Amino acid sequence: MAESNEKAVIATVIENTAIKQRFGRLTLLFEAEAAKSFSQVKPGQFAQIRLSGVGLPRTGIISNDIADIAHKQILLRRPFSFCDVTMDSRNKIRVMILYCVLGPGTLRMTTLGKGDKLSIIGPLGNGFSVPVGKKYALLVAGGMGAPPLMHLMGFLQANSPKMRVVVFAGAKSFEDFPFTVQVSNKNGHGVSGFTRFGIESYIATDDGSAGFRGFVTDCVRRWLRKNKPDTSEVIIYSCGPEAMLAETAKLAGERGIDCQVSMERMMACGIGICQSCAVECKLGDQGETEYKLCCKDGPVFDAREVVFERR
């Protein structure tokens, strides 16, 4: 498939730090014309990164579970959301990306070093929106769904300082969080990456290894029961595994709370050409549906319109 280079820009790697065994934090610098592309980026948008020219790490440090696919040829760009976007100056913008090493593309990302160049298309898609009249923003993240919500958190702090932001981060276990977790009590306060803004935050683990024992959506339910906010003044933003998004949408629907979810699909092009990232959505009230593109119409959707996979 021919790739469109209409929005391709070059970014420079200024830092690439391993957070845990499988998680890394990549910081990119966009300058001059490239910086203009990202000057108005919205939380929830994403970029397509070309990794085909990036080298592999030494064979001895490639984990056994991905050794068989490590040398697989990378033909397509890989999509990544942003966990932070900082304007250093008018012509310099820093973009931070969290990644998890799961395949040949992200494995190559671990070898990127300061000064390396990457070809990037973005920002792409539609991000989160902030309706008027909301006093509470509940950010519900599952695993690697945290990055765009971290970006959103900073945006809300800067643009809606009176809004009460509460973060709920869930994972299967303590080791599955894509950031450092500082557990200060049994409720799991102190999620690194969120606490720098003094944000109220909670963690939940399926196995009880940290914070609330159980699903993160149950942690949200507990908070709602305890705090009893006016639901018309609440909005939920969520990103993570689809099963978690479905439960978050159900929770919001039961309480009449507005909810926006960031969906994930395999994206070959990221710009709506290949039609490979379809999301089934409701069409009116008659049970009919239509398909929208995650890359172009999303990745953020109103939770009420998404038809989640029936389980």
C-alpha atoms as a PDB file:
ATOM      1  CA  MET A   1       0.000   0.000   0.000  1.00  0.00           C
ATOM      2  CA  ALA A   2       1.339   3.432  -0.886  1.00  0.00           C
ATOM      3  CA  GLU A   3       1.767   5.659   2.139  1.00  0.00           C
ATOM      4  CA  SER A   4       0.759   9.299   2.192  1.00  0.00           C
ATOM      5  CA  ASN A   5       3.549  11.631   3.324  1.00  0.00           C
ATOM      6  CA  GLU A   6       1.265  14.668   3.407  1.00  0.00           C
ATOM      7  CA  LYS A   7       1.736  15.213   7.127  1.00  0.00           C
ATOM      8  CA  ALA A   8       5.109  13.571   7.680  1.00  0.00           C
ATOM      9  CA  VAL A   9       7.533  15.562   9.849  1.00  0.00           C
ATOM     10  CA  ILE A  10      10.878  14.766  11.452  1.00  0.00           C
ATOM     11  CA  ALA A  11      11.347  14.627  15.220  1.00  0.00           C
ATOM     12  CA  THR A  12      14.589  14.292  17.179  1.00  0.00           C
ATOM     13  CA  VAL A  13      14.953  11.905  20.107  1.00  0.00           C
ATOM     14  CA  ILE A  14      16.172  13.778  23.185  1.00  0.00           C
ATOM     15  CA  GLU A  15      15.622  11.040  25.762  1.00  0.00           C
ATOM     16  CA  ASN A  16      14.666   7.365  25.885  1.00  0.00           C
ATOM     17  CA  THR A  17      14.348   5.966  29.396  1.00  0.00           C
ATOM     18  CA  ALA A  18      13.438   2.471  30.552  1.00  0.00           C
ATOM     19  CA  ILE A  19      10.792   2.674  33.282  1.00  0.00           C
ATOM     20  CA  LYS A  20      10.444  -1.039  33.925  1.00  0.00           C
ATOM     21  CA  GLN A  21      11.463  -4.205  32.095  1.00  0.00           C
ATOM     22  CA  ARG A  22       8.791  -3.794  29.426  1.00  0.00           C
ATOM     23  CA  PHE A  23       7.975  -0.080  29.596  1.00  0.00           C
ATOM     24  CA  GLY A  24       9.837   2.917  28.245  1.00  0.00           C
ATOM     25  CA  ARG A  25       9.423   6.684  27.989  1.00  0.00           C
ATOM     26  CA  LEU A  26      10.448   8.377  24.747  1.00  0.00           C
ATOM     27  CA  THR A  27      10.788  12.164  24.534  1.00  0.00           C
ATOM     28  CA  LEU A  28      10.842  13.794  21.105  1.00  0.00           C
ATOM     29  CA  LEU A  29      11.661  17.331  20.028  1.00  0.00           C
ATOM     30  CA  PHE A  30       9.803  18.999  17.173  1.00  0.00           C
ATOM     31  CA  GLU A  31      11.327  22.175  15.752  1.00  0.00           C
ATOM     32  CA  ALA A  32      10.435  24.876  13.236  1.00  0.00           C
ATOM     33  CA  GLU A  33       7.732  23.724  10.785  1.00  0.00           C
ATOM     34  CA  ALA A  34       7.409  20.378  12.557  1.00  0.00           C
ATOM     35  CA  ALA A  35       6.596  22.184  15.809  1.00  0.00           C
ATOM     36  CA  LYS A  36       3.680  23.971  14.153  1.00  0.00           C
ATOM     37  CA  SER A  37       2.008  20.621  13.507  1.00  0.00           C
ATOM     38  CA  PHE A  38       1.957  19.844  17.223  1.00  0.00           C
ATOM     39  CA  SER A  39       1.318  23.313  18.619  1.00  0.00           C
ATOM     40  CA  GLN A  40      -2.456  22.719  18.789  1.00  0.00           C
ATOM     41  CA  VAL A  41      -2.458  19.004  19.619  1.00  0.00           C
ATOM     42  CA  LYS A  42      -5.420  17.824  21.712  1.00  0.00           C
ATOM     43  CA  PRO A  43      -5.289  15.132  24.411  1.00  0.00           C
ATOM     44  CA  GLY A  44      -6.431  11.853  22.899  1.00  0.00           C
ATOM     45  CA  GLN A  45      -4.926  12.449  19.468  1.00  0.00           C
ATOM     46  CA  PHE A  46      -2.113  10.229  18.231  1.00  0.00           C
ATOM     47  CA  ALA A  47       0.767   9.971  15.760  1.00  0.00           C
ATOM     48  CA  GLN A  48       1.978   7.315  13.326  1.00  0.00           C
ATOM     49  CA  ILE A  49       5.724   6.631  13.743  1.00  0.00           C
ATOM     50  CA  ARG A  50       7.946   4.973  11.163  1.00  0.00           C
ATOM     51  CA  LEU A  51      10.165   2.361  12.844  1.00  0.00           C
ATOM     52  CA  SER A  52      11.278   0.328   9.831  1.00  0.00           C
ATOM     53  CA  GLY A  53      14.727   1.924   9.817  1.00  0.00           C
ATOM     54  CA  VAL A  54      15.392   1.502  13.533  1.00  0.00           C
ATOM     55  CA  GLY A  55      17.816  -1.241  14.543  1.00  0.00           C
ATOM     56  CA  LEU A  56      17.212  -4.171  16.881  1.00  0.00           C
ATOM     57  CA  PRO A  57      18.903  -4.565  20.267  1.00  0.00           C
ATOM     58  CA  ARG A  58      21.539  -7.256  20.773  1.00  0.00           C
ATOM     59  CA  THR A  59      20.111 -10.774  20.489  1.00  0.00           C
ATOM     60  CA  GLY A  60      21.123 -11.623  24.029  1.00  0.00           C
ATOM     61  CA  ILE A  61      18.795  -9.058  25.577  1.00  0.00           C
ATOM     62  CA  ILE A  62      15.677  -9.876  23.541  1.00  0.00           C
ATOM     63  CA  SER A  63      13.214 -11.710  25.782  1.00  0.00           C
ATOM     64  CA  ASN A  64      12.281 -15.233  24.735  1.00  0.00           C
ATOM     65  CA  ASP A  65       8.573 -14.525  24.292  1.00  0.00           C
ATOM     66  CA  ILE A  66       9.181 -12.107  21.403  1.00  0.00           C
ATOM     67  CA  ALA A  67      12.428 -13.572  20.022  1.00  0.00           C
ATOM     68  CA  ASP A  68      10.579 -15.392  17.228  1.00  0.00           C
ATOM     69  CA  ILE A  69       8.997 -12.213  15.876  1.00  0.00           C
ATOM     70  CA  ALA A  70      11.826  -9.782  16.656  1.00  0.00           C
ATOM     71  CA  HIS A  71      13.215  -9.859  13.107  1.00  0.00           C
ATOM     72  CA  LYS A  72       9.831  -9.524  11.445  1.00  0.00           C
ATOM     73  CA  GLN A  73       9.892  -6.852   8.750  1.00  0.00           C
ATOM     74  CA  ILE A  74       8.037  -3.663   9.683  1.00  0.00           C
ATOM     75  CA  LEU A  75       6.146  -2.263   6.719  1.00  0.00           C
ATOM     76  CA  LEU A  76       3.657   0.042   8.408  1.00  0.00           C
ATOM     77  CA  ARG A  77       3.931   2.897  10.860  1.00  0.00           C
ATOM     78  CA  ARG A  78       2.903   2.301  14.454  1.00  0.00           C
ATOM     79  CA  PRO A  79       0.316   4.486  16.283  1.00  0.00           C
ATOM     80  CA  PHE A  80       1.161   6.098  19.631  1.00  0.00           C
ATOM     81  CA  SER A  81      -0.737   8.553  21.811  1.00  0.00           C
ATOM     82  CA  PHE A  82       0.994  11.273  23.826  1.00  0.00           C
ATOM     83  CA  CYS A  83       1.336  11.431  27.586  1.00  0.00           C
ATOM     84  CA  ASP A  84       2.673  14.994  27.625  1.00  0.00           C
ATOM     85  CA  VAL A  85       3.193  17.857  25.185  1.00  0.00           C
ATOM     86  CA  THR A  86       5.281  20.828  26.294  1.00  0.00           C
ATOM     87  CA  MET A  87       5.989  24.019  24.378  1.00  0.00           C
ATOM     88  CA  ASP A  88       9.616  24.986  25.074  1.00  0.00           C
ATOM     89  CA  SER A  89       9.302  28.006  22.836  1.00  0.00           C
ATOM     90  CA  ARG A  90       7.333  29.087  19.812  1.00  0.00           C
ATOM     91  CA  ASN A  91       9.388  26.859  17.531  1.00  0.00           C
ATOM     92  CA  LYS A  92      10.222  23.980  19.866  1.00  0.00           C
ATOM     93  CA  ILE A  93       7.786  21.426  21.258  1.00  0.00           C
ATOM     94  CA  ARG A  94       8.563  18.358  23.344  1.00  0.00           C
ATOM     95  CA  VAL A  95       6.316  15.325  23.040  1.00  0.00           C
ATOM     96  CA  MET A  96       6.513  12.447  25.503  1.00  0.00           C
ATOM     97  CA  ILE A  97       5.371   8.937  24.613  1.00  0.00           C
ATOM     98  CA  LEU A  98       5.051   5.883  26.850  1.00  0.00           C
ATOM     99  CA  TYR A  99       5.471   2.515  25.154  1.00  0.00           C
ATOM    100  CA  CYS A 100       5.303  -1.158  26.073  1.00  0.00           C
ATOM    101  CA  VAL A 101       7.623  -3.654  24.373  1.00  0.00           C
ATOM    102  CA  LEU A 102       5.283  -6.198  22.813  1.00  0.00           C
ATOM    103  CA  GLY A 103       6.518  -6.762  19.266  1.00  0.00           C
ATOM    104  CA  PRO A 104       9.173  -5.958  16.642  1.00  0.00           C
ATOM    105  CA  GLY A 105       8.249  -2.263  16.434  1.00  0.00           C
ATOM    106  CA  THR A 106       8.326  -1.392  20.115  1.00  0.00           C
ATOM    107  CA  LEU A 107      11.369  -3.631  20.576  1.00  0.00           C
ATOM    108  CA  ARG A 108      13.247  -1.408  18.132  1.00  0.00           C
ATOM    109  CA  MET A 109      12.156   1.668  20.061  1.00  0.00           C
ATOM    110  CA  THR A 110      14.334   0.562  22.977  1.00  0.00           C
ATOM    111  CA  THR A 111      17.453   1.175  20.865  1.00  0.00           C
ATOM    112  CA  LEU A 112      16.641   4.811  20.055  1.00  0.00           C
ATOM    113  CA  GLY A 113      19.139   7.253  21.498  1.00  0.00           C
ATOM    114  CA  LYS A 114      19.625  10.980  21.822  1.00  0.00           C
ATOM    115  CA  GLY A 115      19.907  12.644  18.437  1.00  0.00           C
ATOM    116  CA  ASP A 116      18.169   9.907  16.435  1.00  0.00           C
ATOM    117  CA  LYS A 117      15.583  11.074  13.902  1.00  0.00           C
ATOM    118  CA  LEU A 118      12.075   9.691  13.405  1.00  0.00           C
ATOM    119  CA  SER A 119       9.544  10.275  10.640  1.00  0.00           C
ATOM    120  CA  ILE A 120       6.128  11.007  12.138  1.00  0.00           C
ATOM    121  CA  ILE A 121       2.656  11.687  10.767  1.00  0.00           C
ATOM    122  CA  GLY A 122       0.427  13.600  13.138  1.00  0.00           C
ATOM    123  CA  PRO A 123      -1.254  14.697  15.195  1.00  0.00           C
ATOM    124  CA  LEU A 124      -4.117  12.542  13.954  1.00  0.00           C
ATOM    125  CA  GLY A 125      -7.705  11.819  14.903  1.00  0.00           C
ATOM    126  CA  ASN A 126     -10.129  13.518  17.254  1.00  0.00           C
ATOM    127  CA  GLY A 127      -9.256  13.953  20.898  1.00  0.00           C
ATOM    128  CA  PHE A 128     -11.177  14.502  24.116  1.00  0.00           C
ATOM    129  CA  SER A 129     -13.533  17.462  24.495  1.00  0.00           C
ATOM    130  CA  VAL A 130     -14.548  19.325  27.657  1.00  0.00           C
ATOM    131  CA  PRO A 131     -18.279  20.149  27.832  1.00  0.00           C
ATOM    132  CA  VAL A 132     -19.385  23.336  29.555  1.00  0.00           C
ATOM    133  CA  GLY A 133     -20.724  23.019  33.099  1.00  0.00           C
ATOM    134  CA  LYS A 134     -18.714  20.039  34.284  1.00  0.00           C
ATOM    135  CA  LYS A 135     -17.195  20.261  37.776  1.00  0.00           C
ATOM    136  CA  TYR A 136     -15.774  16.740  38.054  1.00  0.00           C
ATOM    137  CA  ALA A 137     -13.576  14.866  35.590  1.00  0.00           C
ATOM    138  CA  LEU A 138     -12.995  11.196  36.371  1.00  0.00           C
ATOM    139  CA  LEU A 139     -10.093   9.776  34.388  1.00  0.00           C
ATOM    140  CA  VAL A 140     -10.278   5.980  34.182  1.00  0.00           C
ATOM    141  CA  ALA A 141      -7.206   4.234  32.752  1.00  0.00           C
ATOM    142  CA  GLY A 142      -6.510   0.573  32.181  1.00  0.00           C
ATOM    143  CA  GLY A 143      -2.865  -0.453  31.685  1.00  0.00           C
ATOM    144  CA  MET A 144      -1.403   1.303  28.638  1.00  0.00           C
ATOM    145  CA  GLY A 145      -4.535   3.443  28.425  1.00  0.00           C
ATOM    146  CA  ALA A 146      -2.890   5.835  30.874  1.00  0.00           C
ATOM    147  CA  PRO A 147      -0.807   8.027  28.473  1.00  0.00           C
ATOM    148  CA  PRO A 148      -3.594  10.036  26.763  1.00  0.00           C
ATOM    149  CA  LEU A 149      -5.279  10.536  30.127  1.00  0.00           C
ATOM    150  CA  MET A 150      -2.032  11.856  31.595  1.00  0.00           C
ATOM    151  CA  HIS A 151      -1.983  14.360  28.716  1.00  0.00           C
ATOM    152  CA  LEU A 152      -5.630  15.219  29.367  1.00  0.00           C
ATOM    153  CA  MET A 153      -4.920  15.720  33.061  1.00  0.00           C
ATOM    154  CA  GLY A 154      -2.319  18.381  32.333  1.00  0.00           C
ATOM    155  CA  PHE A 155      -4.645  20.037  29.840  1.00  0.00           C
ATOM    156  CA  LEU A 156      -7.482  20.202  32.376  1.00  0.00           C
ATOM    157  CA  GLN A 157      -5.217  21.618  35.046  1.00  0.00           C
ATOM    158  CA  ALA A 158      -4.104  24.387  32.684  1.00  0.00           C
ATOM    159  CA  ASN A 159      -7.444  25.173  31.062  1.00  0.00           C
ATOM    160  CA  SER A 160     -10.078  24.176  33.642  1.00  0.00           C
ATOM    161  CA  PRO A 161      -8.334  24.837  36.979  1.00  0.00           C
ATOM    162  CA  LYS A 162     -11.593  24.850  38.964  1.00  0.00           C
ATOM    163  CA  MET A 163     -12.549  21.369  37.801  1.00  0.00           C
ATOM    164  CA  ARG A 164     -11.949  18.575  40.310  1.00  0.00           C
ATOM    165  CA  VAL A 165      -9.918  15.898  38.524  1.00  0.00           C
ATOM    166  CA  VAL A 166      -9.760  12.380  39.954  1.00  0.00           C
ATOM    167  CA  VAL A 167      -7.619   9.642  38.411  1.00  0.00           C
ATOM    168  CA  PHE A 168      -8.298   5.901  38.568  1.00  0.00           C
ATOM    169  CA  ALA A 169      -5.584   3.649  37.132  1.00  0.00           C
ATOM    170  CA  GLY A 170      -6.065  -0.104  36.873  1.00  0.00           C
ATOM    171  CA  ALA A 171      -3.915  -3.061  35.864  1.00  0.00           C
ATOM    172  CA  LYS A 172      -3.747  -6.811  36.369  1.00  0.00           C
ATOM    173  CA  SER A 173      -0.950  -6.464  38.921  1.00  0.00           C
ATOM    174  CA  PHE A 174       1.484  -3.954  40.399  1.00  0.00           C
ATOM    175  CA  GLU A 175       4.087  -4.772  37.731  1.00  0.00           C
ATOM    176  CA  ASP A 176       1.695  -4.056  34.865  1.00  0.00           C
ATOM    177  CA  PHE A 177       1.495  -0.298  35.377  1.00  0.00           C
ATOM    178  CA  PRO A 178       3.383   1.670  32.685  1.00  0.00           C
ATOM    179  CA  PHE A 179       4.723   4.099  35.288  1.00  0.00           C
ATOM    180  CA  THR A 180       6.105   4.106  38.806  1.00  0.00           C
ATOM    181  CA  VAL A 181       3.501   3.590  41.505  1.00  0.00           C
ATOM    182  CA  GLN A 182       4.007   5.028  44.963  1.00  0.00           C
ATOM    183  CA  VAL A 183       1.523   3.397  47.286  1.00  0.00           C
ATOM    184  CA  SER A 184       1.158   5.511  50.412  1.00  0.00           C
ATOM    185  CA  ASN A 185      -1.841   3.696  51.870  1.00  0.00           C
ATOM    186  CA  LYS A 186      -4.251   0.868  51.156  1.00  0.00           C
ATOM    187  CA  ASN A 187      -6.301   3.061  48.817  1.00  0.00           C
ATOM    188  CA  GLY A 188      -3.335   3.418  46.485  1.00  0.00           C
ATOM    189  CA  HIS A 189      -2.826   7.179  46.510  1.00  0.00           C
ATOM    190  CA  GLY A 190       0.352   8.427  44.885  1.00  0.00           C
ATOM    191  CA  VAL A 191       0.339   7.358  41.229  1.00  0.00           C
ATOM    192  CA  SER A 192       3.567   8.735  39.795  1.00  0.00           C
ATOM    193  CA  GLY A 193       2.948  10.932  36.765  1.00  0.00           C
ATOM    194  CA  PHE A 194      -0.326  12.209  38.179  1.00  0.00           C
ATOM    195  CA  THR A 195       0.795  13.403  41.607  1.00  0.00           C
ATOM    196  CA  ARG A 196       3.022  16.127  40.171  1.00  0.00           C
ATOM    197  CA  PHE A 197      -0.155  18.165  39.747  1.00  0.00           C
ATOM    198  CA  GLY A 198      -1.459  17.244  43.198  1.00  0.00           C
ATOM    199  CA  ILE A 199      -4.201  15.185  41.578  1.00  0.00           C
ATOM    200  CA  GLU A 200      -6.341  12.855  43.690  1.00  0.00           C
ATOM    201  CA  SER A 201      -5.500   9.402  42.369  1.00  0.00           C
ATOM    202  CA  TYR A 202      -6.305   5.766  43.038  1.00  0.00           C
ATOM    203  CA  ILE A 203      -4.942   2.514  41.712  1.00  0.00           C
ATOM    204  CA  ALA A 204      -6.647  -0.842  41.410  1.00  0.00           C
ATOM    205  CA  THR A 205      -5.149  -4.245  40.674  1.00  0.00           C
ATOM    206  CA  ASP A 206      -7.011  -7.404  39.751  1.00  0.00           C
ATOM    207  CA  ASP A 207      -4.812  -9.477  42.070  1.00  0.00           C
ATOM    208  CA  GLY A 208      -4.728  -6.989  44.955  1.00  0.00           C
ATOM    209  CA  SER A 209      -0.947  -6.521  44.755  1.00  0.00           C
ATOM    210  CA  ALA A 210      -1.435  -2.751  45.108  1.00  0.00           C
ATOM    211  CA  GLY A 211      -4.253  -0.392  45.934  1.00  0.00           C
ATOM    212  CA  PHE A 212      -7.891  -1.434  45.522  1.00  0.00           C
ATOM    213  CA  ARG A 213      -8.352  -5.156  44.951  1.00  0.00           C
ATOM    214  CA  GLY A 214     -10.561  -5.663  41.915  1.00  0.00           C
ATOM    215  CA  PHE A 215     -11.461  -3.942  38.674  1.00  0.00           C
ATOM    216  CA  VAL A 216     -10.757  -0.237  38.344  1.00  0.00           C
ATOM    217  CA  THR A 217     -14.415   0.370  37.448  1.00  0.00           C
ATOM    218  CA  ASP A 218     -15.425  -0.985  40.861  1.00  0.00           C
ATOM    219  CA  CYS A 219     -13.028   1.528  42.401  1.00  0.00           C
ATOM    220  CA  VAL A 220     -14.837   4.268  40.470  1.00  0.00           C
ATOM    221  CA  ARG A 221     -18.205   2.994  41.700  1.00  0.00           C
ATOM    222  CA  ARG A 222     -16.942   3.152  45.275  1.00  0.00           C
ATOM    223  CA  TRP A 223     -15.798   6.747  44.806  1.00  0.00           C
ATOM    224  CA  LEU A 224     -19.162   7.763  43.354  1.00  0.00           C
ATOM    225  CA  ARG A 225     -21.047   6.176  46.250  1.00  0.00           C
ATOM    226  CA  LYS A 226     -18.829   7.898  48.786  1.00  0.00           C
ATOM    227  CA  ASN A 227     -18.702  11.371  47.220  1.00  0.00           C
ATOM    228  CA  LYS A 228     -22.240  11.527  45.744  1.00  0.00           C
ATOM    229  CA  PRO A 229     -21.553  14.228  43.136  1.00  0.00           C
ATOM    230  CA  ASP A 230     -24.330  15.710  41.016  1.00  0.00           C
ATOM    231  CA  THR A 231     -23.977  13.378  38.020  1.00  0.00           C
ATOM    232  CA  SER A 232     -24.945  16.148  35.589  1.00  0.00           C
ATOM    233  CA  GLU A 233     -21.713  17.878  36.645  1.00  0.00           C
ATOM    234  CA  VAL A 234     -19.530  14.794  36.099  1.00  0.00           C
ATOM    235  CA  ILE A 235     -17.754  13.565  32.990  1.00  0.00           C
ATOM    236  CA  ILE A 236     -15.805  10.336  32.694  1.00  0.00           C
ATOM    237  CA  TYR A 237     -12.856   9.967  30.334  1.00  0.00           C
ATOM    238  CA  SER A 238     -11.530   6.457  29.767  1.00  0.00           C
ATOM    239  CA  CYS A 239      -8.856   4.623  27.815  1.00  0.00           C
ATOM    240  CA  GLY A 240      -7.758   1.002  28.079  1.00  0.00           C
ATOM    241  CA  PRO A 241      -8.782  -2.542  27.113  1.00  0.00           C
ATOM    242  CA  GLU A 242     -12.142  -2.704  25.377  1.00  0.00           C
ATOM    243  CA  ALA A 243     -13.727  -4.872  28.077  1.00  0.00           C
ATOM    244  CA  MET A 244     -12.867  -2.155  30.604  1.00  0.00           C
ATOM    245  CA  LEU A 245     -14.228   0.559  28.320  1.00  0.00           C
ATOM    246  CA  ALA A 246     -17.479  -1.383  27.954  1.00  0.00           C
ATOM    247  CA  GLU A 247     -17.831  -1.633  31.737  1.00  0.00           C
ATOM    248  CA  THR A 248     -16.993   2.069  32.127  1.00  0.00           C
ATOM    249  CA  ALA A 249     -19.642   2.949  29.537  1.00  0.00           C
ATOM    250  CA  LYS A 250     -22.162   0.750  31.372  1.00  0.00           C
ATOM    251  CA  LEU A 251     -21.327   2.414  34.691  1.00  0.00           C
ATOM    252  CA  ALA A 252     -21.749   5.872  33.169  1.00  0.00           C
ATOM    253  CA  GLY A 253     -24.990   4.924  31.459  1.00  0.00           C
ATOM    254  CA  GLU A 254     -26.517   3.550  34.658  1.00  0.00           C
ATOM    255  CA  ARG A 255     -25.877   6.864  36.411  1.00  0.00           C
ATOM    256  CA  GLY A 256     -26.581   9.220  33.525  1.00  0.00           C
ATOM    257  CA  ILE A 257     -22.966  10.434  33.425  1.00  0.00           C
ATOM    258  CA  ASP A 258     -21.422  11.744  30.206  1.00  0.00           C
ATOM    259  CA  CYS A 259     -18.536   9.538  29.139  1.00  0.00           C
ATOM    260  CA  GLN A 260     -15.899   9.681  26.413  1.00  0.00           C
ATOM    261  CA  VAL A 261     -13.841   6.597  25.547  1.00  0.00           C
ATOM    262  CA  SER A 262     -10.635   6.314  23.561  1.00  0.00           C
ATOM    263  CA  MET A 263     -10.859   3.202  21.382  1.00  0.00           C
ATOM    264  CA  GLU A 264      -8.029   1.062  20.056  1.00  0.00           C
ATOM    265  CA  ARG A 265      -7.868  -0.656  16.677  1.00  0.00           C
ATOM    266  CA  MET A 266      -5.158  -1.896  14.340  1.00  0.00           C
ATOM    267  CA  MET A 267      -4.325   1.159  12.238  1.00  0.00           C
ATOM    268  CA  ALA A 268      -2.475   0.542   9.006  1.00  0.00           C
ATOM    269  CA  CYS A 269      -2.438   4.103   7.664  1.00  0.00           C
ATOM    270  CA  GLY A 270      -3.861   6.295  10.430  1.00  0.00           C
ATOM    271  CA  ILE A 271      -5.479   8.707   7.981  1.00  0.00           C
ATOM    272  CA  GLY A 272      -8.641   6.926   6.826  1.00  0.00           C
ATOM    273  CA  ILE A 273      -7.414   5.410   3.567  1.00  0.00           C
ATOM    274  CA  CYS A 274      -7.139   1.709   4.407  1.00  0.00           C
ATOM    275  CA  GLN A 275     -10.474   1.425   6.290  1.00  0.00           C
ATOM    276  CA  SER A 276      -8.957  -1.207   8.627  1.00  0.00           C
ATOM    277  CA  CYS A 277      -9.904   0.361  11.967  1.00  0.00           C
ATOM    278  CA  ALA A 278     -13.701   0.255  11.895  1.00  0.00           C
ATOM    279  CA  VAL A 279     -15.687   0.829  15.093  1.00  0.00           C
ATOM    280  CA  GLU A 280     -19.353  -0.181  15.141  1.00  0.00           C
ATOM    281  CA  CYS A 281     -21.525   2.707  16.317  1.00  0.00           C
ATOM    282  CA  LYS A 282     -25.231   3.154  16.978  1.00  0.00           C
ATOM    283  CA  LEU A 283     -27.278   4.983  14.371  1.00  0.00           C
ATOM    284  CA  GLY A 284     -30.346   6.580  15.907  1.00  0.00           C
ATOM    285  CA  ASP A 285     -32.709   4.786  18.296  1.00  0.00           C
ATOM    286  CA  GLN A 286     -33.961   2.038  15.996  1.00  0.00           C
ATOM    287  CA  GLY A 287     -31.178  -0.476  16.631  1.00  0.00           C
ATOM    288  CA  GLU A 288     -29.382   0.287  13.398  1.00  0.00           C
ATOM    289  CA  THR A 289     -25.611   0.698  13.337  1.00  0.00           C
ATOM    290  CA  GLU A 290     -22.902   2.135  11.140  1.00  0.00           C
ATOM    291  CA  TYR A 291     -19.138   1.857  11.062  1.00  0.00           C
ATOM    292  CA  LYS A 292     -16.841   4.765  11.806  1.00  0.00           C
ATOM    293  CA  LEU A 293     -13.057   4.882  11.554  1.00  0.00           C
ATOM    294  CA  CYS A 294     -11.060   4.859  14.762  1.00  0.00           C
ATOM    295  CA  CYS A 295      -8.232   6.840  13.163  1.00  0.00           C
ATOM    296  CA  LYS A 296     -10.368   9.580  11.625  1.00  0.00           C
ATOM    297  CA  ASP A 297     -13.685   9.736  13.514  1.00  0.00           C
ATOM    298  CA  GLY A 298     -11.994   8.717  16.771  1.00  0.00           C
ATOM    299  CA  PRO A 299     -10.063   7.450  18.539  1.00  0.00           C
ATOM    300  CA  VAL A 300     -12.254   9.280  21.090  1.00  0.00           C
ATOM    301  CA  PHE A 301     -15.981   8.510  20.908  1.00  0.00           C
ATOM    302  CA  ASP A 302     -19.017   9.294  23.031  1.00  0.00           C
ATOM    303  CA  ALA A 303     -19.460   6.054  24.998  1.00  0.00           C
ATOM    304  CA  ARG A 304     -23.208   6.059  24.267  1.00  0.00           C
ATOM    305  CA  GLU A 305     -22.665   5.588  20.548  1.00  0.00           C
ATOM    306  CA  VAL A 306     -20.168   2.700  20.622  1.00  0.00           C
ATOM    307  CA  VAL A 307     -21.389  -0.865  20.154  1.00  0.00           C
ATOM    308  CA  PHE A 308     -19.017  -2.827  22.343  1.00  0.00           C
ATOM    309  CA  GLU A 309     -18.194  -6.431  21.563  1.00  0.00           C
ATOM    310  CA  ARG A 310     -20.850  -8.704  22.962  1.00  0.00           C
ATOM    311  CA  ARG A 311     -19.369 -11.072  25.553  1.00  0.00           C
END
